[in-house]
Amino acid sequence: MYARLTPKYPQIARIAHVQGEVVLQCMIDEEGNVGELQVDSGHPILAQSALEAVKQWKYRPFHINEKAVAVETTITVTFHL
């Protein structure tokens, strides 16, 4: 991975002492950009922050036979107080 922005902990989640994991399903394109992104599981208060951060992540392109290809992956973002 080239760049990884840390998600901001939502203030409402801090106040409510909400923590845990948000699991995202993600497509990474041939250039290493995050494309399709959806929440698989996790607390709704945390999910939006996870989505906003991961949308900005940048990966090294994945290659098969020296050709860059898109890949699907699972990303887990952990929030803890």
N, C-alpha and C. Protein backbone atom coordinates (compact mmCIF):
# COMPACT_ATOMS: atom_id res chain seq x y z
N MET A 1 0.84 -1.17 0.00
CA MET A 1 0.00 0.00 0.00
C MET A 1 0.89 1.23 0.00
N TYR A 2 0.53 2.22 -0.83
CA TYR A 2 1.28 3.46 -0.89
C TYR A 2 0.86 4.42 0.21
N ALA A 3 -0.43 4.70 0.26
CA ALA A 3 -0.92 5.72 1.19
C ALA A 3 -2.15 5.22 1.93
N ARG A 4 -2.18 5.52 3.22
CA ARG A 4 -3.29 5.07 4.04
C ARG A 4 -3.67 6.17 5.02
N LEU A 5 -4.84 6.75 4.81
CA LEU A 5 -5.36 7.78 5.68
C LEU A 5 -6.06 7.11 6.86
N THR A 6 -5.73 7.53 8.07
CA THR A 6 -6.37 6.98 9.26
C THR A 6 -7.76 7.58 9.41
N PRO A 7 -8.79 6.74 9.60
CA PRO A 7 -10.15 7.26 9.76
C PRO A 7 -10.26 8.12 11.02
N LYS A 8 -11.08 9.16 10.92
CA LYS A 8 -11.35 9.99 12.09
C LYS A 8 -12.39 9.29 12.95
N TYR A 9 -12.15 9.28 14.24
CA TYR A 9 -13.10 8.66 15.17
C TYR A 9 -14.28 9.61 15.32
N PRO A 10 -15.48 9.20 14.95
CA PRO A 10 -16.63 10.10 15.06
C PRO A 10 -16.87 10.52 16.52
N GLN A 11 -17.10 11.81 16.71
CA GLN A 11 -17.30 12.33 18.06
C GLN A 11 -18.47 11.64 18.77
N ILE A 12 -19.54 11.40 18.04
CA ILE A 12 -20.71 10.73 18.64
C ILE A 12 -20.35 9.33 19.11
N ALA A 13 -19.46 8.66 18.38
CA ALA A 13 -19.02 7.32 18.78
C ALA A 13 -18.18 7.39 20.05
N ARG A 14 -17.34 8.42 20.16
CA ARG A 14 -16.54 8.60 21.38
C ARG A 14 -17.46 8.81 22.59
N ILE A 15 -18.44 9.70 22.42
CA ILE A 15 -19.36 10.00 23.52
C ILE A 15 -20.12 8.76 23.95
N ALA A 16 -20.55 7.96 22.96
CA ALA A 16 -21.33 6.76 23.25
C ALA A 16 -20.45 5.54 23.56
N HIS A 17 -19.13 5.72 23.55
CA HIS A 17 -18.17 4.63 23.79
C HIS A 17 -18.36 3.47 22.81
N VAL A 18 -18.62 3.81 21.55
CA VAL A 18 -18.79 2.80 20.51
C VAL A 18 -17.42 2.50 19.91
N GLN A 19 -17.08 1.24 19.83
CA GLN A 19 -15.84 0.82 19.20
C GLN A 19 -16.08 -0.52 18.52
N GLY A 20 -15.13 -0.92 17.69
CA GLY A 20 -15.26 -2.20 17.01
C GLY A 20 -14.68 -2.14 15.61
N GLU A 21 -15.01 -3.15 14.82
CA GLU A 21 -14.49 -3.26 13.46
C GLU A 21 -15.56 -2.95 12.43
N VAL A 22 -15.13 -2.32 11.35
CA VAL A 22 -15.97 -2.12 10.18
C VAL A 22 -15.31 -2.91 9.06
N VAL A 23 -16.04 -3.84 8.47
CA VAL A 23 -15.51 -4.67 7.39
C VAL A 23 -16.08 -4.15 6.08
N LEU A 24 -15.18 -3.86 5.14
CA LEU A 24 -15.55 -3.31 3.84
C LEU A 24 -15.17 -4.26 2.72
N GLN A 25 -16.00 -4.34 1.70
CA GLN A 25 -15.68 -5.05 0.46
C GLN A 25 -15.25 -3.98 -0.54
N CYS A 26 -14.15 -4.23 -1.23
CA CYS A 26 -13.54 -3.18 -2.04
C CYS A 26 -12.99 -3.73 -3.36
N MET A 27 -13.13 -2.95 -4.40
CA MET A 27 -12.46 -3.22 -5.68
C MET A 27 -11.31 -2.23 -5.81
N ILE A 28 -10.13 -2.75 -6.13
CA ILE A 28 -8.97 -1.91 -6.37
C ILE A 28 -8.66 -2.01 -7.86
N ASP A 29 -8.62 -0.87 -8.55
CA ASP A 29 -8.45 -0.91 -10.00
C ASP A 29 -7.00 -1.16 -10.40
N GLU A 30 -6.78 -1.18 -11.70
CA GLU A 30 -5.47 -1.50 -12.25
C GLU A 30 -4.38 -0.50 -11.86
N GLU A 31 -4.78 0.69 -11.44
CA GLU A 31 -3.82 1.73 -11.05
C GLU A 31 -3.63 1.79 -9.54
N GLY A 32 -4.34 0.94 -8.80
CA GLY A 32 -4.20 0.91 -7.35
C GLY A 32 -5.17 1.82 -6.62
N ASN A 33 -6.15 2.36 -7.34
CA ASN A 33 -7.15 3.23 -6.73
C ASN A 33 -8.31 2.40 -6.18
N VAL A 34 -8.86 2.86 -5.06
CA VAL A 34 -10.04 2.21 -4.49
C VAL A 34 -11.24 2.61 -5.32
N GLY A 35 -11.96 1.60 -5.81
CA GLY A 35 -13.15 1.85 -6.63
C GLY A 35 -14.41 1.56 -5.84
N GLU A 36 -15.14 0.55 -6.26
CA GLU A 36 -16.36 0.17 -5.56
C GLU A 36 -16.03 -0.15 -4.10
N LEU A 37 -16.86 0.34 -3.21
CA LEU A 37 -16.62 0.16 -1.79
C LEU A 37 -17.96 0.06 -1.09
N GLN A 38 -18.13 -0.99 -0.30
CA GLN A 38 -19.38 -1.13 0.45
C GLN A 38 -19.11 -1.74 1.82
N VAL A 39 -20.00 -1.41 2.75
CA VAL A 39 -19.88 -1.92 4.11
C VAL A 39 -20.46 -3.34 4.15
N ASP A 40 -19.66 -4.26 4.66
CA ASP A 40 -20.10 -5.64 4.85
C ASP A 40 -20.66 -5.83 6.25
N SER A 41 -19.99 -5.23 7.24
CA SER A 41 -20.47 -5.31 8.62
C SER A 41 -19.81 -4.22 9.45
N GLY A 42 -20.38 -3.94 10.59
CA GLY A 42 -19.81 -2.94 11.49
C GLY A 42 -20.88 -1.98 11.96
N HIS A 43 -20.57 -1.25 13.01
CA HIS A 43 -21.50 -0.30 13.59
C HIS A 43 -21.73 0.87 12.63
N PRO A 44 -22.99 1.23 12.37
CA PRO A 44 -23.28 2.33 11.43
C PRO A 44 -22.64 3.67 11.81
N ILE A 45 -22.46 3.93 13.09
CA ILE A 45 -21.84 5.19 13.51
C ILE A 45 -20.39 5.25 13.03
N LEU A 46 -19.73 4.11 12.93
CA LEU A 46 -18.32 4.06 12.52
C LEU A 46 -18.15 3.89 11.01
N ALA A 47 -19.15 3.35 10.36
CA ALA A 47 -19.03 2.96 8.96
C ALA A 47 -18.69 4.13 8.03
N GLN A 48 -19.36 5.26 8.19
CA GLN A 48 -19.12 6.39 7.29
C GLN A 48 -17.68 6.89 7.37
N SER A 49 -17.15 6.95 8.57
CA SER A 49 -15.76 7.39 8.74
C SER A 49 -14.80 6.42 8.07
N ALA A 50 -15.07 5.12 8.20
CA ALA A 50 -14.23 4.11 7.55
C ALA A 50 -14.29 4.26 6.03
N LEU A 51 -15.49 4.44 5.49
CA LEU A 51 -15.64 4.61 4.04
C LEU A 51 -14.89 5.83 3.53
N GLU A 52 -15.04 6.95 4.22
CA GLU A 52 -14.39 8.19 3.79
C GLU A 52 -12.87 8.05 3.76
N ALA A 53 -12.31 7.38 4.75
CA ALA A 53 -10.85 7.21 4.79
C ALA A 53 -10.37 6.24 3.71
N VAL A 54 -11.00 5.08 3.62
CA VAL A 54 -10.54 4.05 2.69
C VAL A 54 -10.67 4.50 1.24
N LYS A 55 -11.67 5.33 0.93
CA LYS A 55 -11.81 5.86 -0.44
C LYS A 55 -10.55 6.59 -0.89
N GLN A 56 -9.78 7.10 0.06
CA GLN A 56 -8.59 7.88 -0.27
C GLN A 56 -7.30 7.05 -0.26
N TRP A 57 -7.40 5.78 0.12
CA TRP A 57 -6.22 4.93 0.15
C TRP A 57 -5.72 4.67 -1.26
N LYS A 58 -4.44 4.42 -1.36
CA LYS A 58 -3.81 4.11 -2.65
C LYS A 58 -2.97 2.85 -2.48
N TYR A 59 -3.15 1.89 -3.39
CA TYR A 59 -2.43 0.62 -3.35
C TYR A 59 -1.46 0.52 -4.51
N ARG A 60 -0.46 -0.33 -4.34
CA ARG A 60 0.39 -0.69 -5.47
C ARG A 60 -0.44 -1.60 -6.37
N PRO A 61 -0.41 -1.38 -7.67
CA PRO A 61 -1.19 -2.24 -8.57
C PRO A 61 -0.80 -3.71 -8.43
N PHE A 62 -1.79 -4.58 -8.56
CA PHE A 62 -1.58 -6.02 -8.50
C PHE A 62 -1.33 -6.50 -9.93
N HIS A 63 -0.31 -7.33 -10.10
CA HIS A 63 0.05 -7.81 -11.44
C HIS A 63 -0.09 -9.31 -11.57
N ILE A 64 -0.59 -9.73 -12.73
CA ILE A 64 -0.60 -11.14 -13.12
C ILE A 64 0.05 -11.19 -14.50
N ASN A 65 1.10 -12.01 -14.61
CA ASN A 65 1.85 -12.11 -15.87
C ASN A 65 2.28 -10.73 -16.37
N GLU A 66 2.78 -9.92 -15.46
CA GLU A 66 3.30 -8.59 -15.75
C GLU A 66 2.25 -7.60 -16.24
N LYS A 67 0.97 -7.92 -16.02
CA LYS A 67 -0.10 -7.02 -16.42
C LYS A 67 -0.88 -6.62 -15.18
N ALA A 68 -1.10 -5.30 -15.01
CA ALA A 68 -1.88 -4.81 -13.87
C ALA A 68 -3.34 -5.23 -14.03
N VAL A 69 -3.92 -5.72 -12.94
CA VAL A 69 -5.32 -6.17 -12.97
C VAL A 69 -6.06 -5.61 -11.75
N ALA A 70 -7.36 -5.49 -11.90
CA ALA A 70 -8.22 -5.09 -10.79
C ALA A 70 -8.40 -6.29 -9.86
N VAL A 71 -8.54 -6.02 -8.58
CA VAL A 71 -8.74 -7.10 -7.61
C VAL A 71 -9.82 -6.69 -6.62
N GLU A 72 -10.48 -7.69 -6.08
CA GLU A 72 -11.46 -7.48 -5.02
C GLU A 72 -10.83 -7.92 -3.71
N THR A 73 -11.06 -7.16 -2.66
CA THR A 73 -10.47 -7.48 -1.38
C THR A 73 -11.41 -7.09 -0.25
N THR A 74 -11.09 -7.58 0.92
CA THR A 74 -11.81 -7.22 2.14
C THR A 74 -10.88 -6.38 3.00
N ILE A 75 -11.39 -5.28 3.50
CA ILE A 75 -10.61 -4.38 4.36
C ILE A 75 -11.32 -4.27 5.70
N THR A 76 -10.57 -4.45 6.77
CA THR A 76 -11.12 -4.31 8.11
C THR A 76 -10.49 -3.08 8.78
N VAL A 77 -11.36 -2.16 9.19
CA VAL A 77 -10.93 -0.95 9.87
C VAL A 77 -11.35 -1.08 11.33
N THR A 78 -10.39 -0.96 12.25
CA THR A 78 -10.66 -1.13 13.66
C THR A 78 -10.68 0.22 14.38
N PHE A 79 -11.74 0.44 15.13
CA PHE A 79 -11.87 1.65 15.94
C PHE A 79 -11.83 1.21 17.40
N HIS A 80 -10.94 1.82 18.18
CA HIS A 80 -10.90 1.53 19.60
C HIS A 80 -10.57 2.79 20.37
N LEU A 81 -11.14 2.89 21.54
CA LEU A 81 -10.93 4.07 22.40
C LEU A 81 -9.71 3.88 23.25
